[in-house]
Amino acid sequence: MIEVYTDAGSAGNPGPSGAGIFIKNNGNIIRESIPLLPMSNHEAEFHACLEALRICKKHEFSIISLRSDSKVLVESIERKYTKNPLFQPLLASILATMDHSFTYAFIKWIPSKQNKEADQLAKRAIQLAKKGS
């Protein structure tokens, strides 16, 4: 099983944002820092999850365990619902990708202290986003 850690952040609300993705694949590590457009922290968490799914799809992983410290993201995916209209299309894309691209994909909430690698990558991505704006 592939362990996929995601985190995101924004420098402001909204502000320059970034996604951090840390993937453990049987001893192989993938690290990505992806600058995002200015947005809120919660919106960036949804984008980080989508980016992680795209990376996993590209690598043709079949069983993935997504891990995030964002309760908003995890609860939305578990319930397959969000009342926030901004998150609805992002959630729909996440659910469709999880359903159609993987044999088995699930998400689990983890405390921030277990998500340090993805957090550092997200902070780097925010710095890259600031330089690009």
N, C-alpha and C. Protein backbone atom coordinates (compact mmCIF):
# COMPACT_ATOMS: atom_id res chain seq x y z
N MET A 1 0.84 -1.18 0.00
CA MET A 1 0.00 0.00 0.00
C MET A 1 0.88 1.24 0.00
N ILE A 2 0.48 2.22 -0.78
CA ILE A 2 1.21 3.47 -0.91
C ILE A 2 0.67 4.47 0.12
N GLU A 3 1.55 5.05 0.91
CA GLU A 3 1.17 6.07 1.89
C GLU A 3 1.38 7.44 1.26
N VAL A 4 0.31 8.25 1.23
CA VAL A 4 0.33 9.55 0.57
C VAL A 4 -0.04 10.62 1.59
N TYR A 5 0.92 11.45 1.94
CA TYR A 5 0.71 12.52 2.91
C TYR A 5 0.55 13.84 2.16
N THR A 6 -0.51 14.59 2.48
CA THR A 6 -0.70 15.88 1.83
C THR A 6 -0.86 16.96 2.89
N ASP A 7 -0.41 18.14 2.52
CA ASP A 7 -0.63 19.32 3.36
C ASP A 7 -0.62 20.53 2.45
N ALA A 8 -1.20 21.60 2.95
CA ALA A 8 -1.24 22.83 2.17
C ALA A 8 -1.25 24.01 3.13
N GLY A 9 -1.00 25.16 2.57
CA GLY A 9 -1.03 26.37 3.38
C GLY A 9 -1.17 27.59 2.50
N SER A 10 -1.50 28.69 3.16
CA SER A 10 -1.64 29.97 2.49
C SER A 10 -0.97 31.04 3.33
N ALA A 11 -0.34 31.98 2.67
CA ALA A 11 0.25 33.13 3.35
C ALA A 11 -0.76 34.27 3.24
N GLY A 12 -1.77 34.22 4.07
CA GLY A 12 -2.89 35.15 4.00
C GLY A 12 -4.15 34.36 3.76
N ASN A 13 -5.29 35.04 3.82
CA ASN A 13 -6.54 34.32 3.63
C ASN A 13 -7.50 35.17 2.81
N PRO A 14 -7.46 35.14 1.49
CA PRO A 14 -6.59 34.28 0.68
C PRO A 14 -5.19 34.89 0.54
N GLY A 15 -4.30 34.08 0.04
CA GLY A 15 -2.94 34.53 -0.20
C GLY A 15 -2.18 33.51 -1.01
N PRO A 16 -0.92 33.79 -1.33
CA PRO A 16 -0.10 32.81 -2.05
C PRO A 16 -0.15 31.47 -1.31
N SER A 17 -0.37 30.42 -2.06
CA SER A 17 -0.60 29.11 -1.44
C SER A 17 0.32 28.05 -2.04
N GLY A 18 0.40 26.94 -1.33
CA GLY A 18 1.22 25.85 -1.81
C GLY A 18 0.75 24.51 -1.28
N ALA A 19 1.06 23.48 -2.06
CA ALA A 19 0.72 22.10 -1.69
C ALA A 19 2.00 21.32 -1.48
N GLY A 20 2.00 20.52 -0.43
CA GLY A 20 3.12 19.62 -0.15
C GLY A 20 2.64 18.19 -0.20
N ILE A 21 3.36 17.36 -0.94
CA ILE A 21 2.98 15.97 -1.10
C ILE A 21 4.20 15.10 -0.83
N PHE A 22 4.01 14.14 0.06
CA PHE A 22 5.07 13.21 0.46
C PHE A 22 4.50 11.80 0.30
N ILE A 23 5.12 11.00 -0.57
CA ILE A 23 4.61 9.67 -0.87
C ILE A 23 5.67 8.63 -0.54
N LYS A 24 5.25 7.64 0.25
CA LYS A 24 6.13 6.51 0.59
C LYS A 24 5.63 5.30 -0.19
N ASN A 25 6.51 4.79 -1.07
CA ASN A 25 6.16 3.68 -1.94
C ASN A 25 7.19 2.57 -1.77
N ASN A 26 6.97 1.70 -0.81
CA ASN A 26 7.88 0.56 -0.59
C ASN A 26 9.35 0.97 -0.58
N GLY A 27 9.67 1.97 0.21
CA GLY A 27 11.05 2.42 0.32
C GLY A 27 11.42 3.54 -0.64
N ASN A 28 10.64 3.74 -1.68
CA ASN A 28 10.86 4.86 -2.59
C ASN A 28 10.06 6.06 -2.10
N ILE A 29 10.67 7.22 -2.20
CA ILE A 29 10.05 8.45 -1.70
C ILE A 29 9.82 9.41 -2.86
N ILE A 30 8.65 10.03 -2.86
CA ILE A 30 8.34 11.11 -3.81
C ILE A 30 8.02 12.34 -2.98
N ARG A 31 8.69 13.44 -3.29
CA ARG A 31 8.44 14.72 -2.61
C ARG A 31 8.08 15.76 -3.65
N GLU A 32 6.98 16.47 -3.43
CA GLU A 32 6.57 17.52 -4.36
C GLU A 32 6.16 18.77 -3.58
N SER A 33 6.64 19.91 -4.04
CA SER A 33 6.20 21.22 -3.55
C SER A 33 5.57 21.93 -4.74
N ILE A 34 4.27 22.16 -4.66
CA ILE A 34 3.54 22.69 -5.81
C ILE A 34 2.95 24.05 -5.45
N PRO A 35 3.46 25.13 -6.07
CA PRO A 35 2.87 26.45 -5.83
C PRO A 35 1.44 26.48 -6.37
N LEU A 36 0.57 27.16 -5.64
CA LEU A 36 -0.82 27.31 -6.05
C LEU A 36 -1.16 28.80 -6.18
N LEU A 37 -2.24 29.07 -6.87
CA LEU A 37 -2.74 30.45 -6.96
C LEU A 37 -3.18 30.92 -5.59
N PRO A 38 -3.34 32.23 -5.40
CA PRO A 38 -3.85 32.71 -4.11
C PRO A 38 -5.23 32.12 -3.80
N MET A 39 -5.36 31.58 -2.59
CA MET A 39 -6.62 30.98 -2.15
C MET A 39 -6.56 30.81 -0.64
N SER A 40 -7.65 30.34 -0.06
CA SER A 40 -7.69 30.09 1.38
C SER A 40 -6.94 28.78 1.69
N ASN A 41 -6.59 28.62 2.96
CA ASN A 41 -5.90 27.42 3.40
C ASN A 41 -6.75 26.17 3.13
N HIS A 42 -8.05 26.23 3.46
CA HIS A 42 -8.91 25.06 3.27
C HIS A 42 -9.02 24.69 1.79
N GLU A 43 -9.16 25.69 0.93
CA GLU A 43 -9.22 25.41 -0.51
C GLU A 43 -7.91 24.77 -0.98
N ALA A 44 -6.80 25.26 -0.47
CA ALA A 44 -5.49 24.71 -0.84
C ALA A 44 -5.38 23.24 -0.43
N GLU A 45 -6.00 22.85 0.69
CA GLU A 45 -5.96 21.45 1.12
C GLU A 45 -6.63 20.55 0.09
N PHE A 46 -7.75 21.01 -0.49
CA PHE A 46 -8.43 20.23 -1.53
C PHE A 46 -7.54 20.11 -2.78
N HIS A 47 -6.89 21.22 -3.15
CA HIS A 47 -5.99 21.19 -4.31
C HIS A 47 -4.80 20.26 -4.06
N ALA A 48 -4.28 20.26 -2.84
CA ALA A 48 -3.15 19.37 -2.51
C ALA A 48 -3.57 17.91 -2.68
N CYS A 49 -4.76 17.57 -2.24
CA CYS A 49 -5.26 16.21 -2.39
C CYS A 49 -5.38 15.84 -3.87
N LEU A 50 -5.93 16.75 -4.66
CA LEU A 50 -6.07 16.50 -6.10
C LEU A 50 -4.71 16.30 -6.76
N GLU A 51 -3.74 17.13 -6.41
CA GLU A 51 -2.39 16.99 -6.97
C GLU A 51 -1.78 15.64 -6.58
N ALA A 52 -1.98 15.23 -5.34
CA ALA A 52 -1.45 13.94 -4.89
C ALA A 52 -2.09 12.80 -5.69
N LEU A 53 -3.40 12.89 -5.92
CA LEU A 53 -4.07 11.85 -6.70
C LEU A 53 -3.55 11.80 -8.13
N ARG A 54 -3.28 12.97 -8.72
CA ARG A 54 -2.73 13.00 -10.08
C ARG A 54 -1.35 12.33 -10.13
N ILE A 55 -0.53 12.59 -9.13
CA ILE A 55 0.79 11.98 -9.08
C ILE A 55 0.67 10.46 -8.94
N CYS A 56 -0.21 10.02 -8.07
CA CYS A 56 -0.41 8.58 -7.86
C CYS A 56 -0.93 7.91 -9.12
N LYS A 57 -1.84 8.59 -9.82
CA LYS A 57 -2.39 8.06 -11.08
C LYS A 57 -1.28 7.94 -12.12
N LYS A 58 -0.44 8.97 -12.21
CA LYS A 58 0.67 8.98 -13.17
C LYS A 58 1.62 7.81 -12.91
N HIS A 59 1.83 7.48 -11.65
CA HIS A 59 2.72 6.37 -11.29
C HIS A 59 2.01 5.01 -11.32
N GLU A 60 0.74 5.04 -11.66
CA GLU A 60 -0.07 3.83 -11.78
C GLU A 60 -0.14 3.03 -10.48
N PHE A 61 -0.20 3.75 -9.34
CA PHE A 61 -0.42 3.07 -8.07
C PHE A 61 -1.86 2.56 -8.03
N SER A 62 -2.09 1.43 -7.39
CA SER A 62 -3.45 0.91 -7.38
C SER A 62 -4.12 0.98 -6.01
N ILE A 63 -3.35 0.88 -4.94
CA ILE A 63 -3.91 0.96 -3.59
C ILE A 63 -3.20 2.08 -2.85
N ILE A 64 -3.97 3.11 -2.47
CA ILE A 64 -3.35 4.26 -1.80
C ILE A 64 -4.09 4.61 -0.51
N SER A 65 -3.31 5.04 0.44
CA SER A 65 -3.83 5.53 1.71
C SER A 65 -3.44 7.00 1.81
N LEU A 66 -4.43 7.86 1.60
CA LEU A 66 -4.21 9.30 1.73
C LEU A 66 -4.25 9.66 3.21
N ARG A 67 -3.36 10.57 3.62
CA ARG A 67 -3.33 11.03 5.01
C ARG A 67 -3.22 12.55 5.01
N SER A 68 -4.07 13.17 5.79
CA SER A 68 -4.10 14.63 5.85
C SER A 68 -4.43 15.07 7.27
N ASP A 69 -3.91 16.23 7.66
CA ASP A 69 -4.26 16.79 8.96
C ASP A 69 -5.39 17.82 8.83
N SER A 70 -6.02 17.88 7.66
CA SER A 70 -7.14 18.78 7.43
C SER A 70 -8.46 18.06 7.69
N LYS A 71 -9.10 18.40 8.81
CA LYS A 71 -10.38 17.76 9.14
C LYS A 71 -11.45 18.11 8.11
N VAL A 72 -11.41 19.34 7.59
CA VAL A 72 -12.39 19.75 6.59
C VAL A 72 -12.30 18.85 5.36
N LEU A 73 -11.09 18.62 4.89
CA LEU A 73 -10.87 17.77 3.72
C LEU A 73 -11.28 16.33 4.00
N VAL A 74 -10.78 15.76 5.07
CA VAL A 74 -11.03 14.35 5.38
C VAL A 74 -12.53 14.09 5.58
N GLU A 75 -13.18 14.95 6.37
CA GLU A 75 -14.61 14.76 6.62
C GLU A 75 -15.43 14.92 5.34
N SER A 76 -15.04 15.84 4.48
CA SER A 76 -15.76 16.03 3.21
C SER A 76 -15.66 14.79 2.34
N ILE A 77 -14.46 14.22 2.26
CA ILE A 77 -14.27 13.01 1.45
C ILE A 77 -15.02 11.83 2.06
N GLU A 78 -14.93 11.67 3.37
CA GLU A 78 -15.62 10.55 4.02
C GLU A 78 -17.13 10.65 3.86
N ARG A 79 -17.67 11.86 3.97
CA ARG A 79 -19.13 12.06 3.85
C ARG A 79 -19.58 12.19 2.39
N LYS A 80 -18.58 12.40 1.50
CA LYS A 80 -18.86 12.65 0.08
C LYS A 80 -19.78 13.87 -0.08
N TYR A 81 -19.53 14.86 0.78
CA TYR A 81 -20.37 16.06 0.76
C TYR A 81 -19.64 17.22 1.42
N THR A 82 -19.84 18.41 0.85
CA THR A 82 -19.46 19.66 1.49
C THR A 82 -20.50 20.69 1.13
N LYS A 83 -20.87 21.51 2.10
CA LYS A 83 -21.86 22.54 1.79
C LYS A 83 -21.21 23.79 1.20
N ASN A 84 -19.89 23.89 1.26
CA ASN A 84 -19.19 25.05 0.72
C ASN A 84 -19.17 24.97 -0.81
N PRO A 85 -19.82 25.92 -1.50
CA PRO A 85 -19.88 25.85 -2.96
C PRO A 85 -18.51 25.93 -3.64
N LEU A 86 -17.55 26.56 -2.99
CA LEU A 86 -16.20 26.65 -3.54
C LEU A 86 -15.51 25.28 -3.56
N PHE A 87 -15.79 24.46 -2.56
CA PHE A 87 -15.15 23.15 -2.45
C PHE A 87 -15.88 22.06 -3.24
N GLN A 88 -17.14 22.27 -3.60
CA GLN A 88 -17.94 21.21 -4.23
C GLN A 88 -17.33 20.66 -5.52
N PRO A 89 -16.89 21.51 -6.47
CA PRO A 89 -16.28 20.92 -7.68
C PRO A 89 -14.95 20.22 -7.39
N LEU A 90 -14.20 20.73 -6.42
CA LEU A 90 -12.94 20.08 -6.03
C LEU A 90 -13.22 18.71 -5.43
N LEU A 91 -14.21 18.65 -4.55
CA LEU A 91 -14.57 17.38 -3.93
C LEU A 91 -15.06 16.39 -4.99
N ALA A 92 -15.86 16.86 -5.93
CA ALA A 92 -16.35 15.98 -7.00
C ALA A 92 -15.18 15.40 -7.80
N SER A 93 -14.19 16.21 -8.09
CA SER A 93 -13.00 15.73 -8.83
C SER A 93 -12.22 14.72 -8.00
N ILE A 94 -12.07 14.99 -6.72
CA ILE A 94 -11.35 14.07 -5.84
C ILE A 94 -12.06 12.71 -5.80
N LEU A 95 -13.37 12.74 -5.56
CA LEU A 95 -14.12 11.49 -5.46
C LEU A 95 -14.10 10.71 -6.76
N ALA A 96 -14.25 11.41 -7.88
CA ALA A 96 -14.22 10.73 -9.19
C ALA A 96 -12.86 10.10 -9.44
N THR A 97 -11.80 10.81 -9.13
CA THR A 97 -10.45 10.28 -9.33
C THR A 97 -10.21 9.07 -8.43
N MET A 98 -10.64 9.17 -7.17
CA MET A 98 -10.46 8.04 -6.25
C MET A 98 -11.23 6.81 -6.74
N ASP A 99 -12.45 7.03 -7.23
CA ASP A 99 -13.30 5.92 -7.67
C ASP A 99 -12.82 5.27 -8.96
N HIS A 100 -12.32 6.07 -9.89
CA HIS A 100 -12.03 5.57 -11.23
C HIS A 100 -10.56 5.28 -11.52
N SER A 101 -9.66 5.73 -10.67
CA SER A 101 -8.24 5.59 -10.99
C SER A 101 -7.50 4.57 -10.13
N PHE A 102 -8.15 4.09 -9.07
CA PHE A 102 -7.45 3.22 -8.14
C PHE A 102 -8.31 2.02 -7.78
N THR A 103 -7.65 0.89 -7.52
CA THR A 103 -8.36 -0.29 -7.05
C THR A 103 -8.98 0.00 -5.69
N TYR A 104 -8.20 0.65 -4.84
CA TYR A 104 -8.67 1.00 -3.51
C TYR A 104 -7.97 2.28 -3.07
N ALA A 105 -8.76 3.25 -2.63
CA ALA A 105 -8.21 4.52 -2.14
C ALA A 105 -9.06 4.98 -0.96
N PHE A 106 -8.38 5.36 0.10
CA PHE A 106 -9.12 5.89 1.25
C PHE A 106 -8.31 7.01 1.88
N ILE A 107 -8.98 7.77 2.73
CA ILE A 107 -8.32 8.90 3.39
C ILE A 107 -8.45 8.74 4.90
N LYS A 108 -7.44 9.21 5.58
CA LYS A 108 -7.39 9.10 7.04
C LYS A 108 -6.89 10.43 7.59
N TRP A 109 -7.53 10.90 8.66
CA TRP A 109 -7.05 12.10 9.34
C TRP A 109 -5.88 11.70 10.24
N ILE A 110 -4.84 12.53 10.22
CA ILE A 110 -3.69 12.32 11.10
C ILE A 110 -3.38 13.65 11.80
N PRO A 111 -2.79 13.58 12.99
CA PRO A 111 -2.38 14.83 13.66
C PRO A 111 -1.24 15.50 12.90
N SER A 112 -1.14 16.80 13.05
CA SER A 112 -0.10 17.59 12.36
C SER A 112 1.30 17.05 12.61
N LYS A 113 1.55 16.55 13.82
CA LYS A 113 2.90 16.06 14.15
C LYS A 113 3.29 14.84 13.32
N GLN A 114 2.31 14.15 12.73
CA GLN A 114 2.61 13.01 11.87
C GLN A 114 2.69 13.42 10.39
N ASN A 115 2.57 14.72 10.13
CA ASN A 115 2.53 15.20 8.75
C ASN A 115 3.63 16.22 8.48
N LYS A 116 4.74 16.10 9.18
CA LYS A 116 5.81 17.10 9.10
C LYS A 116 6.45 17.20 7.72
N GLU A 117 6.66 16.07 7.05
CA GLU A 117 7.29 16.10 5.73
C GLU A 117 6.44 16.89 4.74
N ALA A 118 5.14 16.58 4.68
CA ALA A 118 4.24 17.28 3.75
C ALA A 118 4.13 18.75 4.13
N ASP A 119 4.15 19.05 5.44
CA ASP A 119 4.07 20.43 5.90
C ASP A 119 5.28 21.24 5.42
N GLN A 120 6.47 20.67 5.53
CA GLN A 120 7.68 21.37 5.07
C GLN A 120 7.63 21.61 3.56
N LEU A 121 7.13 20.61 2.82
CA LEU A 121 7.02 20.75 1.37
C LEU A 121 6.00 21.82 1.00
N ALA A 122 4.90 21.90 1.75
CA ALA A 122 3.89 22.94 1.51
C ALA A 122 4.46 24.33 1.78
N LYS A 123 5.24 24.46 2.84
CA LYS A 123 5.85 25.76 3.17
C LYS A 123 6.81 26.20 2.06
N ARG A 124 7.56 25.24 1.51
CA ARG A 124 8.45 25.55 0.39
C ARG A 124 7.63 26.00 -0.82
N ALA A 125 6.52 25.33 -1.06
CA ALA A 125 5.66 25.68 -2.20
C ALA A 125 5.07 27.09 -2.05
N ILE A 126 4.74 27.48 -0.83
CA ILE A 126 4.22 28.84 -0.59
C ILE A 126 5.31 29.86 -0.94
N GLN A 127 6.54 29.57 -0.54
CA GLN A 127 7.65 30.49 -0.88
C GLN A 127 7.81 30.59 -2.39
N LEU A 128 7.69 29.48 -3.10
CA LEU A 128 7.76 29.49 -4.57
C LEU A 128 6.61 30.29 -5.15
N ALA A 129 5.42 30.16 -4.56
CA ALA A 129 4.25 30.91 -5.04
C ALA A 129 4.46 32.41 -4.84
N LYS A 130 5.07 32.78 -3.71
CA LYS A 130 5.33 34.21 -3.44
C LYS A 130 6.29 34.79 -4.47
N LYS A 131 7.31 34.00 -4.84
CA LYS A 131 8.28 34.48 -5.82
C LYS A 131 7.66 34.63 -7.20
N GLY A 132 6.69 33.78 -7.51
CA GLY A 132 6.05 33.80 -8.82
C GLY A 132 4.99 34.88 -8.97
N SER A 133 4.57 35.48 -7.85
CA SER A 133 3.49 36.49 -7.95
C SER A 133 4.01 37.90 -8.09
